[in-house]
Amino acid sequence: MRVLGIDPGTVFLGYGVVDGGAAVRMVDCGVLKAAPRLPVESRLCTLFDGICGIIAAAEPDEVAIEEPFAGVNVRSAFMIGRAQAVAILAAARCGIPVAYYSPAEVKRSVSGYGRGDKSQVRAMVLLQLGLKELGQGFDATDALAVALCHVHSRHVQQRLAPERR
């Protein structure tokens, strides 16, 4: 199972692709950037085109997207929601199923603690993927964490599913 994880943002959108078989491995990761001075609709168009390109290149089976955290800044959550919608639309356009995870779910799945900070999540992502370093910022690491969370979730679902006869 190949999963594209997305950490949405309207200026920086992190993405991470993992193969989640018996051993999980990173395929690709990075950050799509949209010029902050552009109108939001132009930034969203840039991000949409970028996500479509990643989907075409990586050919994921499923997409996992982190949901916006609305705790402190509602305006920021709305903006992230717009980027999330663009990612959903790109996946839907390609007929790829989408799963959604809260930031706490992602942190809990990857680091065992739902309130871990970005450096803790990054350390656990590197450990789980067998990487010493990742030349990308926290947006890419967070996207890989979302993809790993989805892989973990699918493995649990498979174990709990009744055997087919």
C-alpha atoms as a PDB file:
ATOM      1  CA  MET A   1       0.000   0.000   0.000  1.00  0.00           C
ATOM      2  CA  ARG A   2       1.412   3.345  -1.021  1.00  0.00           C
ATOM      3  CA  VAL A   3       0.223   6.352   0.978  1.00  0.00           C
ATOM      4  CA  LEU A   4       0.546  10.053   0.248  1.00  0.00           C
ATOM      5  CA  GLY A   5       0.475  12.019   3.502  1.00  0.00           C
ATOM      6  CA  ILE A   6      -0.324  15.723   3.385  1.00  0.00           C
ATOM      7  CA  ASP A   7       0.273  18.442   5.957  1.00  0.00           C
ATOM      8  CA  PRO A   8      -1.856  21.256   4.486  1.00  0.00           C
ATOM      9  CA  GLY A   9      -0.951  24.913   4.403  1.00  0.00           C
ATOM     10  CA  THR A  10      -1.625  27.743   1.951  1.00  0.00           C
ATOM     11  CA  VAL A  11       2.009  28.827   1.672  1.00  0.00           C
ATOM     12  CA  PHE A  12       3.894  25.637   2.617  1.00  0.00           C
ATOM     13  CA  LEU A  13       2.220  22.284   2.033  1.00  0.00           C
ATOM     14  CA  GLY A  14       4.181  19.259   3.182  1.00  0.00           C
ATOM     15  CA  TYR A  15       3.894  15.924   1.441  1.00  0.00           C
ATOM     16  CA  GLY A  16       5.320  12.509   2.158  1.00  0.00           C
ATOM     17  CA  VAL A  17       4.952   9.231   0.308  1.00  0.00           C
ATOM     18  CA  VAL A  18       5.548   5.894   2.027  1.00  0.00           C
ATOM     19  CA  ASP A  19       5.188   2.275   1.063  1.00  0.00           C
ATOM     20  CA  GLY A  20       3.490   0.490   3.925  1.00  0.00           C
ATOM     21  CA  GLY A  21       4.091  -3.206   3.421  1.00  0.00           C
ATOM     22  CA  ALA A  22       5.802  -5.522   5.900  1.00  0.00           C
ATOM     23  CA  ALA A  23       8.469  -2.862   6.294  1.00  0.00           C
ATOM     24  CA  VAL A  24       7.575   0.788   5.882  1.00  0.00           C
ATOM     25  CA  ARG A  25       9.865   2.844   3.668  1.00  0.00           C
ATOM     26  CA  MET A  26       9.921   6.422   2.459  1.00  0.00           C
ATOM     27  CA  VAL A  27       9.445   6.928  -1.263  1.00  0.00           C
ATOM     28  CA  ASP A  28       9.472  10.733  -1.450  1.00  0.00           C
ATOM     29  CA  CYS A  29       8.828  13.844   0.586  1.00  0.00           C
ATOM     30  CA  GLY A  30       9.046  17.573   0.233  1.00  0.00           C
ATOM     31  CA  VAL A  31       7.287  20.888   0.492  1.00  0.00           C
ATOM     32  CA  LEU A  32       5.172  22.631  -2.106  1.00  0.00           C
ATOM     33  CA  LYS A  33       5.628  26.383  -1.842  1.00  0.00           C
ATOM     34  CA  ALA A  34       3.257  29.109  -2.963  1.00  0.00           C
ATOM     35  CA  ALA A  35       4.295  32.757  -2.946  1.00  0.00           C
ATOM     36  CA  PRO A  36       2.744  34.364   0.152  1.00  0.00           C
ATOM     37  CA  ARG A  37       2.114  37.662  -1.661  1.00  0.00           C
ATOM     38  CA  LEU A  38      -0.149  36.034  -4.244  1.00  0.00           C
ATOM     39  CA  PRO A  39      -3.916  36.061  -3.719  1.00  0.00           C
ATOM     40  CA  VAL A  40      -5.129  32.957  -1.922  1.00  0.00           C
ATOM     41  CA  GLU A  41      -6.871  31.616  -5.033  1.00  0.00           C
ATOM     42  CA  SER A  42      -3.580  31.721  -6.969  1.00  0.00           C
ATOM     43  CA  ARG A  43      -1.751  29.953  -4.141  1.00  0.00           C
ATOM     44  CA  LEU A  44      -4.441  27.268  -3.987  1.00  0.00           C
ATOM     45  CA  CYS A  45      -4.195  26.736  -7.746  1.00  0.00           C
ATOM     46  CA  THR A  46      -0.414  26.338  -7.462  1.00  0.00           C
ATOM     47  CA  LEU A  47      -0.839  23.821  -4.640  1.00  0.00           C
ATOM     48  CA  PHE A  48      -3.531  21.896  -6.547  1.00  0.00           C
ATOM     49  CA  ASP A  49      -1.291  21.574  -9.594  1.00  0.00           C
ATOM     50  CA  GLY A  50       1.590  20.466  -7.373  1.00  0.00           C
ATOM     51  CA  ILE A  51      -0.465  17.817  -5.595  1.00  0.00           C
ATOM     52  CA  CYS A  52      -1.783  16.511  -8.922  1.00  0.00           C
ATOM     53  CA  GLY A  53       1.817  16.217 -10.114  1.00  0.00           C
ATOM     54  CA  ILE A  54       2.836  14.311  -6.985  1.00  0.00           C
ATOM     55  CA  ILE A  55      -0.127  11.962  -7.364  1.00  0.00           C
ATOM     56  CA  ALA A  56       0.772  11.332 -11.021  1.00  0.00           C
ATOM     57  CA  ALA A  57       4.412  10.603 -10.154  1.00  0.00           C
ATOM     58  CA  ALA A  58       3.937   8.588  -6.953  1.00  0.00           C
ATOM     59  CA  GLU A  59       0.688   6.778  -7.837  1.00  0.00           C
ATOM     60  CA  PRO A  60      -0.523   6.411  -4.230  1.00  0.00           C
ATOM     61  CA  ASP A  61      -3.256   3.931  -3.303  1.00  0.00           C
ATOM     62  CA  GLU A  62      -4.602   6.224  -0.590  1.00  0.00           C
ATOM     63  CA  VAL A  63      -4.177   9.793   0.634  1.00  0.00           C
ATOM     64  CA  ALA A  64      -4.047  10.784   4.303  1.00  0.00           C
ATOM     65  CA  ILE A  65      -4.568  14.418   5.266  1.00  0.00           C
ATOM     66  CA  GLU A  66      -4.049  16.138   8.592  1.00  0.00           C
ATOM     67  CA  GLU A  67      -7.080  18.097   9.732  1.00  0.00           C
ATOM     68  CA  PRO A  68      -6.696  21.738  10.767  1.00  0.00           C
ATOM     69  CA  PHE A  69      -6.184  22.518  14.432  1.00  0.00           C
ATOM     70  CA  ALA A  70      -8.620  25.261  15.406  1.00  0.00           C
ATOM     71  CA  GLY A  71      -7.373  25.727  18.959  1.00  0.00           C
ATOM     72  CA  VAL A  72      -5.992  29.241  18.983  1.00  0.00           C
ATOM     73  CA  ASN A  73      -6.356  30.994  15.643  1.00  0.00           C
ATOM     74  CA  VAL A  74      -9.650  30.369  13.849  1.00  0.00           C
ATOM     75  CA  ARG A  75      -8.594  32.390  10.785  1.00  0.00           C
ATOM     76  CA  SER A  76      -5.504  30.221  10.398  1.00  0.00           C
ATOM     77  CA  ALA A  77      -7.629  27.074  10.701  1.00  0.00           C
ATOM     78  CA  PHE A  78      -9.909  28.325   7.916  1.00  0.00           C
ATOM     79  CA  MET A  79      -6.911  28.951   5.657  1.00  0.00           C
ATOM     80  CA  ILE A  80      -5.526  25.483   6.356  1.00  0.00           C
ATOM     81  CA  GLY A  81      -8.997  24.095   5.655  1.00  0.00           C
ATOM     82  CA  ARG A  82      -8.821  25.636   2.193  1.00  0.00           C
ATOM     83  CA  ALA A  83      -5.519  23.890   1.505  1.00  0.00           C
ATOM     84  CA  GLN A  84      -6.996  20.672   2.875  1.00  0.00           C
ATOM     85  CA  ALA A  85      -9.937  21.028   0.456  1.00  0.00           C
ATOM     86  CA  VAL A  86      -7.530  21.427  -2.470  1.00  0.00           C
ATOM     87  CA  ALA A  87      -5.757  18.193  -1.459  1.00  0.00           C
ATOM     88  CA  ILE A  88      -9.102  16.397  -1.121  1.00  0.00           C
ATOM     89  CA  LEU A  89     -10.162  17.613  -4.562  1.00  0.00           C
ATOM     90  CA  ALA A  90      -6.880  16.474  -6.160  1.00  0.00           C
ATOM     91  CA  ALA A  91      -7.283  12.984  -4.653  1.00  0.00           C
ATOM     92  CA  ALA A  92     -10.973  12.790  -5.586  1.00  0.00           C
ATOM     93  CA  ARG A  93     -10.194  13.832  -9.142  1.00  0.00           C
ATOM     94  CA  CYS A  94      -7.913  10.786  -9.390  1.00  0.00           C
ATOM     95  CA  GLY A  95     -10.358   8.461  -7.624  1.00  0.00           C
ATOM     96  CA  ILE A  96      -8.077   7.934  -4.625  1.00  0.00           C
ATOM     97  CA  PRO A  97      -9.626   7.295  -1.192  1.00  0.00           C
ATOM     98  CA  VAL A  98      -8.887   9.934   1.466  1.00  0.00           C
ATOM     99  CA  ALA A  99      -8.500   9.506   5.234  1.00  0.00           C
ATOM    100  CA  TYR A 100      -8.375  12.308   7.798  1.00  0.00           C
ATOM    101  CA  TYR A 101      -6.423  12.498  11.048  1.00  0.00           C
ATOM    102  CA  SER A 102      -6.303  15.108  13.762  1.00  0.00           C
ATOM    103  CA  PRO A 103      -2.883  16.418  14.814  1.00  0.00           C
ATOM    104  CA  ALA A 104      -3.248  14.580  18.144  1.00  0.00           C
ATOM    105  CA  GLU A 105      -4.022  11.280  16.370  1.00  0.00           C
ATOM    106  CA  VAL A 106      -0.935  11.663  14.193  1.00  0.00           C
ATOM    107  CA  LYS A 107       1.315  12.480  17.142  1.00  0.00           C
ATOM    108  CA  ARG A 108      -0.093   9.640  19.240  1.00  0.00           C
ATOM    109  CA  SER A 109       0.319   7.136  16.413  1.00  0.00           C
ATOM    110  CA  VAL A 110       3.874   8.117  15.559  1.00  0.00           C
ATOM    111  CA  SER A 111       5.350   9.098  18.916  1.00  0.00           C
ATOM    112  CA  GLY A 112       3.009   7.451  21.418  1.00  0.00           C
ATOM    113  CA  TYR A 113       2.032  10.807  22.894  1.00  0.00           C
ATOM    114  CA  GLY A 114      -0.704  13.047  21.472  1.00  0.00           C
ATOM    115  CA  ARG A 115       0.883  16.285  22.652  1.00  0.00           C
ATOM    116  CA  GLY A 116       4.438  15.778  21.447  1.00  0.00           C
ATOM    117  CA  ASP A 117       6.263  18.649  19.824  1.00  0.00           C
ATOM    118  CA  LYS A 118       7.526  18.777  16.249  1.00  0.00           C
ATOM    119  CA  SER A 119      11.058  17.686  17.148  1.00  0.00           C
ATOM    120  CA  GLN A 120       9.746  14.576  18.938  1.00  0.00           C
ATOM    121  CA  VAL A 121       7.566  13.685  15.966  1.00  0.00           C
ATOM    122  CA  ARG A 122      10.487  14.265  13.594  1.00  0.00           C
ATOM    123  CA  ALA A 123      12.761  11.998  15.649  1.00  0.00           C
ATOM    124  CA  MET A 124      10.185   9.201  15.631  1.00  0.00           C
ATOM    125  CA  VAL A 125       9.516   9.555  11.894  1.00  0.00           C
ATOM    126  CA  LEU A 126      13.238   9.260  11.179  1.00  0.00           C
ATOM    127  CA  LEU A 127      13.497   6.246  13.496  1.00  0.00           C
ATOM    128  CA  GLN A 128      10.500   4.443  11.984  1.00  0.00           C
ATOM    129  CA  LEU A 129      11.709   5.035   8.437  1.00  0.00           C
ATOM    130  CA  GLY A 130      15.305   4.084   9.251  1.00  0.00           C
ATOM    131  CA  LEU A 131      16.656   7.481   8.251  1.00  0.00           C
ATOM    132  CA  LYS A 132      19.521   9.330   9.894  1.00  0.00           C
ATOM    133  CA  GLU A 133      18.548  12.739   8.573  1.00  0.00           C
ATOM    134  CA  LEU A 134      15.971  14.355   6.377  1.00  0.00           C
ATOM    135  CA  GLY A 135      16.972  17.461   4.453  1.00  0.00           C
ATOM    136  CA  GLN A 136      13.430  18.818   4.552  1.00  0.00           C
ATOM    137  CA  GLY A 137      11.675  21.021   7.095  1.00  0.00           C
ATOM    138  CA  PHE A 138       8.953  20.165   9.589  1.00  0.00           C
ATOM    139  CA  ASP A 139       6.218  20.385   6.927  1.00  0.00           C
ATOM    140  CA  ALA A 140       7.649  17.368   5.088  1.00  0.00           C
ATOM    141  CA  THR A 141       8.283  15.490   8.334  1.00  0.00           C
ATOM    142  CA  ASP A 142       4.726  16.181   9.489  1.00  0.00           C
ATOM    143  CA  ALA A 143       3.391  14.878   6.166  1.00  0.00           C
ATOM    144  CA  LEU A 144       5.423  11.684   6.557  1.00  0.00           C
ATOM    145  CA  ALA A 145       3.980  11.364  10.067  1.00  0.00           C
ATOM    146  CA  VAL A 146       0.456  11.603   8.608  1.00  0.00           C
ATOM    147  CA  ALA A 147       1.300   8.872   6.083  1.00  0.00           C
ATOM    148  CA  LEU A 148       2.780   6.675   8.837  1.00  0.00           C
ATOM    149  CA  CYS A 149      -0.307   7.243  10.986  1.00  0.00           C
ATOM    150  CA  HIS A 150      -2.461   6.015   8.124  1.00  0.00           C
ATOM    151  CA  VAL A 151      -0.284   2.941   7.567  1.00  0.00           C
ATOM    152  CA  HIS A 152      -0.495   2.122  11.293  1.00  0.00           C
ATOM    153  CA  SER A 153      -4.269   2.605  11.206  1.00  0.00           C
ATOM    154  CA  ARG A 154      -4.639   0.284   8.204  1.00  0.00           C
ATOM    155  CA  HIS A 155      -2.497  -2.401   9.865  1.00  0.00           C
ATOM    156  CA  VAL A 156      -4.705  -2.276  12.975  1.00  0.00           C
ATOM    157  CA  GLN A 157      -7.859  -2.459  10.843  1.00  0.00           C
ATOM    158  CA  GLN A 158      -6.485  -5.510   9.013  1.00  0.00           C
ATOM    159  CA  ARG A 159      -5.666  -7.274  12.271  1.00  0.00           C
ATOM    160  CA  LEU A 160      -9.085  -6.570  13.724  1.00  0.00           C
ATOM    161  CA  ALA A 161     -11.025  -7.520  10.591  1.00  0.00           C
ATOM    162  CA  PRO A 162     -12.750 -10.887  10.773  1.00  0.00           C
ATOM    163  CA  GLU A 163     -11.110 -13.557   8.666  1.00  0.00           C
ATOM    164  CA  ARG A 164     -12.721 -14.112   5.300  1.00  0.00           C
ATOM    165  CA  ARG A 165     -13.962 -17.608   4.626  1.00  0.00           C
END
